[in-house]
């Protein structure tokens, strides 16, 4: 499917489910990674993630388009178009659009890194435990202004 077919599909879905025309541009955005689509407030365009269409097919694509059209039509009407707004939730139910898209099966999930970095002062041996790294060239001991050195890194999974 190319952008012309996507545009035509969005226009058809808009008329069929919302009884209102879609007068802006719909296109595939190759930069989208973690979302099925997005509605752009400034230009009123809709961008869709092609990967969802390739992996899940047309039914998922229909759901994404209906979801984004809910944002589109409510925003143009001056009603609540955000996920938390009652107008948005009501319209989602009315057109049977999903609130969230399906997670991609091969999407990399960010694992939380539970690490503790231990630094010590060369002069007074004051110990500092931090989650984020310290630039030992820039920062010094808060107690005696001595040089800091990295002692060890503790990790737990």
C-alpha atoms as a PDB file:
ATOM      1  CA  UNK A   1       0.000   0.000   0.000  1.00  0.00           C
ATOM      2  CA  UNK A   2       1.304   3.446  -0.898  1.00  0.00           C
ATOM      3  CA  UNK A   3       0.389   6.925   0.358  1.00  0.00           C
ATOM      4  CA  UNK A   4      -2.281   7.445  -2.347  1.00  0.00           C
ATOM      5  CA  UNK A   5      -4.140   4.281  -1.351  1.00  0.00           C
ATOM      6  CA  UNK A   6      -3.796   5.217   2.325  1.00  0.00           C
ATOM      7  CA  UNK A   7      -5.249   8.671   1.589  1.00  0.00           C
ATOM      8  CA  UNK A   8      -8.201   7.118  -0.219  1.00  0.00           C
ATOM      9  CA  UNK A   9      -8.760   4.602   2.601  1.00  0.00           C
ATOM     10  CA  UNK A  10      -8.729   7.339   5.269  1.00  0.00           C
ATOM     11  CA  UNK A  11     -11.228   9.401   3.264  1.00  0.00           C
ATOM     12  CA  UNK A  12     -13.531   6.367   2.879  1.00  0.00           C
ATOM     13  CA  UNK A  13     -13.360   5.458   6.587  1.00  0.00           C
ATOM     14  CA  UNK A  14     -14.045   9.071   7.537  1.00  0.00           C
ATOM     15  CA  UNK A  15     -17.227   9.181   5.461  1.00  0.00           C
ATOM     16  CA  UNK A  16     -18.388   5.679   6.456  1.00  0.00           C
ATOM     17  CA  UNK A  17     -17.901   5.929  10.250  1.00  0.00           C
ATOM     18  CA  UNK A  18     -17.966   9.680  10.961  1.00  0.00           C
ATOM     19  CA  UNK A  19     -20.188  10.953   8.109  1.00  0.00           C
ATOM     20  CA  UNK A  20     -17.668  13.788   7.671  1.00  0.00           C
ATOM     21  CA  UNK A  21     -15.002  14.323   5.007  1.00  0.00           C
ATOM     22  CA  UNK A  22     -11.274  14.092   5.699  1.00  0.00           C
ATOM     23  CA  UNK A  23      -9.818  17.162   3.985  1.00  0.00           C
ATOM     24  CA  UNK A  24      -6.157  16.859   4.899  1.00  0.00           C
ATOM     25  CA  UNK A  25      -3.267  14.538   4.128  1.00  0.00           C
ATOM     26  CA  UNK A  26      -2.722  10.971   5.341  1.00  0.00           C
ATOM     27  CA  UNK A  27       0.652   9.337   4.818  1.00  0.00           C
ATOM     28  CA  UNK A  28       3.005   6.654   6.063  1.00  0.00           C
ATOM     29  CA  UNK A  29       5.795   7.969   8.275  1.00  0.00           C
ATOM     30  CA  UNK A  30       8.845   5.663   8.337  1.00  0.00           C
ATOM     31  CA  UNK A  31      10.213   7.393  11.455  1.00  0.00           C
ATOM     32  CA  UNK A  32       7.365   6.219  13.691  1.00  0.00           C
ATOM     33  CA  UNK A  33       8.591   3.420  15.970  1.00  0.00           C
ATOM     34  CA  UNK A  34       6.521   3.084  19.125  1.00  0.00           C
ATOM     35  CA  UNK A  35       3.084   4.167  17.941  1.00  0.00           C
ATOM     36  CA  UNK A  36       0.634   3.031  15.287  1.00  0.00           C
ATOM     37  CA  UNK A  37      -0.148   6.539  14.105  1.00  0.00           C
ATOM     38  CA  UNK A  38      -0.456  10.150  15.092  1.00  0.00           C
ATOM     39  CA  UNK A  39      -2.629  13.158  14.400  1.00  0.00           C
ATOM     40  CA  UNK A  40      -0.714  16.409  13.908  1.00  0.00           C
ATOM     41  CA  UNK A  41      -2.495  19.343  15.545  1.00  0.00           C
ATOM     42  CA  UNK A  42      -0.793  22.036  13.474  1.00  0.00           C
ATOM     43  CA  UNK A  43      -1.275  20.651   9.977  1.00  0.00           C
ATOM     44  CA  UNK A  44      -4.256  18.351  10.739  1.00  0.00           C
ATOM     45  CA  UNK A  45      -2.473  15.561   8.864  1.00  0.00           C
ATOM     46  CA  UNK A  46      -2.483  11.931   9.965  1.00  0.00           C
ATOM     47  CA  UNK A  47       0.690   9.833   9.934  1.00  0.00           C
ATOM     48  CA  UNK A  48       0.591   6.040  10.089  1.00  0.00           C
ATOM     49  CA  UNK A  49       3.289   3.495  10.947  1.00  0.00           C
ATOM     50  CA  UNK A  50       3.658   1.164   7.950  1.00  0.00           C
ATOM     51  CA  UNK A  51       5.085  -1.628  10.147  1.00  0.00           C
ATOM     52  CA  UNK A  52       1.701  -2.144  11.808  1.00  0.00           C
ATOM     53  CA  UNK A  53       0.085  -2.658   8.406  1.00  0.00           C
ATOM     54  CA  UNK A  54       2.813  -5.078   7.299  1.00  0.00           C
ATOM     55  CA  UNK A  55       2.735  -7.157  10.494  1.00  0.00           C
ATOM     56  CA  UNK A  56      -0.965  -7.094  11.462  1.00  0.00           C
ATOM     57  CA  UNK A  57      -2.787  -6.400   8.201  1.00  0.00           C
ATOM     58  CA  UNK A  58      -5.740  -4.232   7.275  1.00  0.00           C
ATOM     59  CA  UNK A  59      -7.839  -4.769  10.413  1.00  0.00           C
ATOM     60  CA  UNK A  60      -5.160  -3.175  12.610  1.00  0.00           C
ATOM     61  CA  UNK A  61      -4.699  -0.395  10.049  1.00  0.00           C
ATOM     62  CA  UNK A  62      -8.468   0.314  10.104  1.00  0.00           C
ATOM     63  CA  UNK A  63      -8.348   0.573  13.894  1.00  0.00           C
ATOM     64  CA  UNK A  64      -5.391   2.967  13.829  1.00  0.00           C
ATOM     65  CA  UNK A  65      -7.059   5.152  11.189  1.00  0.00           C
ATOM     66  CA  UNK A  66     -10.364   5.271  13.115  1.00  0.00           C
ATOM     67  CA  UNK A  67      -8.478   6.204  16.301  1.00  0.00           C
ATOM     68  CA  UNK A  68      -6.599   9.039  14.583  1.00  0.00           C
ATOM     69  CA  UNK A  69      -9.781  10.235  12.867  1.00  0.00           C
ATOM     70  CA  UNK A  70     -11.392  10.540  16.318  1.00  0.00           C
ATOM     71  CA  UNK A  71      -8.596  12.971  17.270  1.00  0.00           C
ATOM     72  CA  UNK A  72      -8.991  14.747  13.919  1.00  0.00           C
ATOM     73  CA  UNK A  73     -12.746  15.325  13.918  1.00  0.00           C
ATOM     74  CA  UNK A  74     -12.993  16.236  17.617  1.00  0.00           C
ATOM     75  CA  UNK A  75     -10.116  18.716  17.318  1.00  0.00           C
ATOM     76  CA  UNK A  76     -11.675  20.421  14.297  1.00  0.00           C
ATOM     77  CA  UNK A  77     -15.020  20.637  16.133  1.00  0.00           C
ATOM     78  CA  UNK A  78     -13.370  22.227  19.179  1.00  0.00           C
ATOM     79  CA  UNK A  79     -14.245  19.313  21.469  1.00  0.00           C
ATOM     80  CA  UNK A  80     -12.027  17.254  23.771  1.00  0.00           C
ATOM     81  CA  UNK A  81      -9.689  15.346  21.461  1.00  0.00           C
ATOM     82  CA  UNK A  82      -7.154  14.036  23.998  1.00  0.00           C
ATOM     83  CA  UNK A  83      -7.133  10.463  25.316  1.00  0.00           C
ATOM     84  CA  UNK A  84      -8.397  11.523  28.746  1.00  0.00           C
ATOM     85  CA  UNK A  85     -11.371  13.538  27.448  1.00  0.00           C
ATOM     86  CA  UNK A  86     -14.893  12.078  27.736  1.00  0.00           C
ATOM     87  CA  UNK A  87     -15.750  13.257  24.198  1.00  0.00           C
ATOM     88  CA  UNK A  88     -12.832  11.261  22.820  1.00  0.00           C
ATOM     89  CA  UNK A  89     -13.653   8.101  24.778  1.00  0.00           C
ATOM     90  CA  UNK A  90     -17.304   8.292  23.767  1.00  0.00           C
ATOM     91  CA  UNK A  91     -16.465   8.672  20.068  1.00  0.00           C
ATOM     92  CA  UNK A  92     -14.007   5.748  20.267  1.00  0.00           C
ATOM     93  CA  UNK A  93     -16.807   3.497  21.552  1.00  0.00           C
ATOM     94  CA  UNK A  94     -19.273   4.836  19.010  1.00  0.00           C
ATOM     95  CA  UNK A  95     -17.071   3.998  15.992  1.00  0.00           C
ATOM     96  CA  UNK A  96     -15.536   0.908  17.666  1.00  0.00           C
ATOM     97  CA  UNK A  97     -11.987   2.227  17.436  1.00  0.00           C
ATOM     98  CA  UNK A  98      -9.277   0.786  19.696  1.00  0.00           C
ATOM     99  CA  UNK A  99      -7.868   2.955  22.466  1.00  0.00           C
ATOM    100  CA  UNK A 100      -4.382   1.473  21.943  1.00  0.00           C
ATOM    101  CA  UNK A 101      -2.798  -0.386  19.040  1.00  0.00           C
ATOM    102  CA  UNK A 102      -1.370  -3.878  19.423  1.00  0.00           C
ATOM    103  CA  UNK A 103       2.266  -4.075  20.563  1.00  0.00           C
ATOM    104  CA  UNK A 104       4.725  -5.044  17.872  1.00  0.00           C
ATOM    105  CA  UNK A 105       6.041  -8.579  18.507  1.00  0.00           C
ATOM    106  CA  UNK A 106       9.669  -7.815  17.667  1.00  0.00           C
ATOM    107  CA  UNK A 107       9.789  -4.433  19.415  1.00  0.00           C
ATOM    108  CA  UNK A 108      12.725  -4.133  21.754  1.00  0.00           C
ATOM    109  CA  UNK A 109      11.635  -3.494  25.297  1.00  0.00           C
ATOM    110  CA  UNK A 110      13.888  -1.266  27.322  1.00  0.00           C
ATOM    111  CA  UNK A 111      15.035  -3.143  30.373  1.00  0.00           C
ATOM    112  CA  UNK A 112      15.418  -1.004  33.468  1.00  0.00           C
ATOM    113  CA  UNK A 113      19.049  -0.934  34.487  1.00  0.00           C
ATOM    114  CA  UNK A 114      19.382  -1.238  38.225  1.00  0.00           C
ATOM    115  CA  UNK A 115      22.913  -0.157  38.843  1.00  0.00           C
ATOM    116  CA  UNK A 116      24.608   1.740  41.615  1.00  0.00           C
ATOM    117  CA  UNK A 117      27.894   3.508  40.955  1.00  0.00           C
ATOM    118  CA  UNK A 118      30.158   3.865  43.981  1.00  0.00           C
ATOM    119  CA  UNK A 119      32.639   6.737  44.132  1.00  0.00           C
ATOM    120  CA  UNK A 120      35.094   7.579  46.906  1.00  0.00           C
ATOM    121  CA  UNK A 121      37.226  10.573  47.773  1.00  0.00           C
ATOM    122  CA  UNK A 122      41.004   9.983  47.530  1.00  0.00           C
ATOM    123  CA  UNK A 123      41.680  12.304  50.470  1.00  0.00           C
ATOM    124  CA  UNK A 124      39.012  11.634  53.126  1.00  0.00           C
ATOM    125  CA  UNK A 125      37.525   8.340  51.834  1.00  0.00           C
ATOM    126  CA  UNK A 126      33.977   9.743  51.793  1.00  0.00           C
ATOM    127  CA  UNK A 127      31.755   7.313  49.827  1.00  0.00           C
ATOM    128  CA  UNK A 128      29.141   8.444  47.295  1.00  0.00           C
ATOM    129  CA  UNK A 129      26.540   6.098  45.798  1.00  0.00           C
ATOM    130  CA  UNK A 130      24.867   7.303  42.614  1.00  0.00           C
ATOM    131  CA  UNK A 131      22.538   5.968  39.905  1.00  0.00           C
ATOM    132  CA  UNK A 132      23.998   8.308  37.296  1.00  0.00           C
ATOM    133  CA  UNK A 133      27.663   8.612  36.409  1.00  0.00           C
ATOM    134  CA  UNK A 134      29.686  11.492  37.820  1.00  0.00           C
ATOM    135  CA  UNK A 135      32.264  13.366  35.749  1.00  0.00           C
ATOM    136  CA  UNK A 136      35.268  12.950  38.067  1.00  0.00           C
ATOM    137  CA  UNK A 137      37.228  15.532  36.057  1.00  0.00           C
ATOM    138  CA  UNK A 138      34.627  18.187  36.894  1.00  0.00           C
ATOM    139  CA  UNK A 139      33.219  17.277  40.324  1.00  0.00           C
ATOM    140  CA  UNK A 140      35.060  16.986  43.635  1.00  0.00           C
ATOM    141  CA  UNK A 141      34.290  15.749  47.153  1.00  0.00           C
ATOM    142  CA  UNK A 142      31.686  17.868  48.914  1.00  0.00           C
ATOM    143  CA  UNK A 143      33.369  17.331  52.278  1.00  0.00           C
ATOM    144  CA  UNK A 144      37.041  18.136  51.614  1.00  0.00           C
ATOM    145  CA  UNK A 145      37.156  19.073  47.909  1.00  0.00           C
ATOM    146  CA  UNK A 146      39.408  16.095  47.172  1.00  0.00           C
ATOM    147  CA  UNK A 147      39.488  14.141  43.922  1.00  0.00           C
ATOM    148  CA  UNK A 148      36.788  11.492  43.349  1.00  0.00           C
ATOM    149  CA  UNK A 149      37.509   8.043  41.955  1.00  0.00           C
ATOM    150  CA  UNK A 150      35.118   5.352  40.791  1.00  0.00           C
ATOM    151  CA  UNK A 151      35.376   2.415  43.162  1.00  0.00           C
ATOM    152  CA  UNK A 152      32.897  -0.086  41.730  1.00  0.00           C
ATOM    153  CA  UNK A 153      29.600  -0.605  39.946  1.00  0.00           C
ATOM    154  CA  UNK A 154      26.870  -2.716  41.532  1.00  0.00           C
ATOM    155  CA  UNK A 155      24.212  -4.194  39.263  1.00  0.00           C
ATOM    156  CA  UNK A 156      21.097  -6.145  40.081  1.00  0.00           C
ATOM    157  CA  UNK A 157      18.611  -7.586  37.593  1.00  0.00           C
END
